[in-house]
Protein backbone atom coordinates (compact mmCIF):
# COMPACT_ATOMS: atom_id res chain seq x y z
CA MET A 1 -15.23 -11.08 2.97
CA SER A 2 -12.41 -13.32 4.11
CA VAL A 3 -12.78 -17.04 4.77
CA SER A 4 -12.74 -16.53 8.55
CA SER A 5 -15.36 -13.75 8.27
CA ASP A 6 -17.48 -16.06 6.12
CA LYS A 7 -17.40 -18.74 8.81
CA VAL A 8 -18.48 -16.24 11.46
CA ALA A 9 -21.29 -14.92 9.26
CA HIS A 10 -22.64 -18.43 8.69
CA ALA A 11 -22.27 -19.50 12.31
CA PHE A 12 -24.14 -16.50 13.65
CA ARG A 13 -27.30 -15.04 12.14
CA ILE A 14 -28.58 -11.94 13.83
CA ALA A 15 -32.14 -12.67 12.65
CA ASN A 16 -33.35 -16.17 11.99
CA ALA A 17 -36.95 -17.38 11.70
CA GLY A 18 -35.86 -21.00 12.05
CA THR A 19 -34.41 -20.43 15.51
CA ALA A 20 -36.83 -17.65 16.58
CA VAL A 21 -34.22 -14.90 16.74
CA ARG A 22 -35.14 -11.30 16.02
CA HIS A 23 -32.79 -8.44 15.11
CA ILE A 24 -32.93 -5.29 17.20
CA PHE A 25 -30.60 -2.46 16.29
CA ILE A 26 -29.49 1.07 17.06
CA ARG A 27 -27.92 2.91 14.13
CA ASP A 28 -25.51 5.82 14.22
CA LEU A 29 -25.90 6.91 17.83
CA ILE A 30 -23.59 9.95 18.04
CA LEU A 31 -22.31 10.76 21.52
CA HIS A 32 -19.61 12.97 22.96
CA GLY A 33 -17.30 10.89 25.12
CA GLN A 34 -13.96 11.16 26.82
CA ILE A 35 -11.93 8.59 24.96
CA GLY A 36 -8.35 8.17 23.84
CA ILE A 37 -4.84 7.44 25.02
CA TYR A 38 -3.04 10.37 23.42
CA LYS A 39 -2.28 13.58 25.30
CA HIS A 40 -4.37 15.69 22.89
CA GLU A 41 -7.39 13.45 23.68
CA GLN A 42 -7.14 13.80 27.46
CA GLY A 43 -9.51 16.09 29.37
CA LYS A 44 -11.91 16.75 26.50
CA THR A 45 -14.74 15.01 24.72
CA GLN A 46 -14.88 13.85 21.14
CA ARG A 47 -17.58 12.48 18.90
CA VAL A 48 -18.10 8.74 18.74
CA ARG A 49 -20.59 6.86 16.57
CA ILE A 50 -22.05 3.68 18.04
CA ASN A 51 -23.92 0.96 16.17
CA VAL A 52 -25.55 -1.94 17.98
CA ASP A 53 -27.00 -5.13 16.48
CA LEU A 54 -28.66 -7.57 18.85
CA ALA A 55 -29.85 -11.11 18.23
CA VAL A 56 -32.80 -11.53 20.58
CA ARG A 57 -34.51 -14.82 21.38
CA GLU A 58 -38.20 -14.54 20.58
CA ASP A 59 -40.91 -16.07 22.68
CA GLY A 60 -44.67 -15.90 22.56
CA LYS A 61 -44.64 -12.67 24.55
CA ALA A 62 -42.86 -10.80 21.75
CA ARG A 63 -46.16 -10.57 19.84
CA SER A 64 -48.09 -9.14 22.79
CA ASP A 65 -47.60 -5.49 21.70
CA ARG A 66 -46.33 -4.67 25.21
CA LEU A 67 -42.98 -2.94 25.58
CA THR A 68 -42.18 -4.98 28.69
CA ASP A 69 -42.20 -8.16 26.58
CA VAL A 70 -39.41 -7.09 24.21
CA VAL A 71 -35.87 -5.74 24.47
CA ASP A 72 -36.41 -1.97 24.55
CA TYR A 73 -33.88 -0.24 22.31
CA GLY A 74 -34.68 3.03 24.12
CA VAL A 75 -33.48 1.54 27.39
CA VAL A 76 -30.37 0.11 25.72
CA ALA A 77 -29.55 3.51 24.21
CA GLU A 78 -30.04 5.25 27.56
CA GLN A 79 -27.76 2.74 29.31
CA ILE A 80 -25.09 3.37 26.65
CA ARG A 81 -25.45 7.15 27.04
CA ALA A 82 -25.13 6.87 30.82
CA MET A 83 -22.06 4.63 30.59
CA VAL A 84 -20.30 6.93 28.08
CA ALA A 85 -21.00 9.88 30.41
CA THR A 86 -19.30 8.21 33.40
CA GLY A 87 -15.80 9.29 32.43
CA HIS A 88 -12.68 8.65 30.44
CA VAL A 89 -12.01 5.42 28.55
CA ASN A 90 -8.65 4.85 26.88
CA LEU A 91 -9.63 2.53 24.03
CA VAL A 92 -12.54 2.12 21.61
CA GLU A 93 -12.12 -1.61 22.23
CA THR A 94 -12.88 -1.08 25.94
CA LEU A 95 -15.92 1.02 25.14
CA ALA A 96 -17.21 -1.64 22.74
CA GLU A 97 -16.77 -4.38 25.36
CA ARG A 98 -18.66 -2.34 27.97
CA ILE A 99 -21.52 -1.77 25.53
CA ALA A 100 -21.62 -5.50 24.75
CA ASP A 101 -21.79 -6.22 28.49
CA ILE A 102 -24.75 -3.85 28.83
CA CYS A 103 -26.56 -5.56 25.96
CA LEU A 104 -25.87 -9.10 27.16
CA SER A 105 -27.09 -8.27 30.66
CA ASP A 106 -30.60 -8.86 29.26
CA LEU A 107 -30.86 -12.64 29.15
CA ARG A 108 -33.02 -12.52 26.03
CA VAL A 109 -30.06 -11.17 24.04
CA GLU A 110 -28.19 -14.09 22.48
CA ALA A 111 -25.51 -12.04 20.74
CA ALA A 112 -24.37 -8.46 20.35
CA ARG A 113 -22.41 -6.90 17.51
CA ILE A 114 -21.02 -3.51 18.52
CA ARG A 115 -19.22 -0.94 16.36
CA VAL A 116 -17.56 2.09 17.95
CA GLU A 117 -16.05 4.77 15.73
CA LYS A 118 -14.13 7.94 16.59
CA LEU A 119 -15.22 10.50 14.02
CA ASP A 120 -12.68 13.32 14.21
CA ILE A 121 -9.32 11.57 14.39
CA LEU A 122 -7.83 11.26 10.90
CA PRO A 123 -8.37 14.22 8.59
CA ASP A 124 -8.54 11.99 5.52
CA ALA A 125 -10.85 9.31 6.99
CA GLU A 126 -14.50 9.48 7.98
CA SER A 127 -13.86 7.38 11.07
CA VAL A 128 -11.62 4.92 12.87
CA GLY A 129 -12.77 2.29 15.28
CA VAL A 130 -13.53 -1.29 16.13
CA GLU A 131 -16.32 -3.81 15.70
CA ILE A 132 -16.79 -6.75 18.05
CA GLU A 133 -19.26 -9.58 18.32
CA ARG A 134 -20.04 -11.28 21.61
CA THR A 135 -22.35 -14.22 22.18
CA ARG A 136 -23.81 -15.84 25.23
């Protein structure tokens, strides 16, 4: 980890009992999306893997055992699926930003770390992509 990455890691903790922040995540969501700037990527779908890590402010309601009192990862996943299905996006960076916007639209979400990977691009690499972190 580089010095700048170290500073980010210490400044932002995705789960923290001291500040009542809980970690909600979605791992390895595989979708077929229209993404890419190259001619061979136009007009077809390709596999993308999406990982989402959310820092969510806890309150007393979070222990109520009611889904309405927590950030519902099922709803977040469905919003991501719907957004990916809306049409072509040129860049993985753009897709990651749109996913972060979806996540941060819930005011309980303090921060979102999003990773978007294209899985079938380089024959000698498992994936290529981007990871971003956005905070309120």
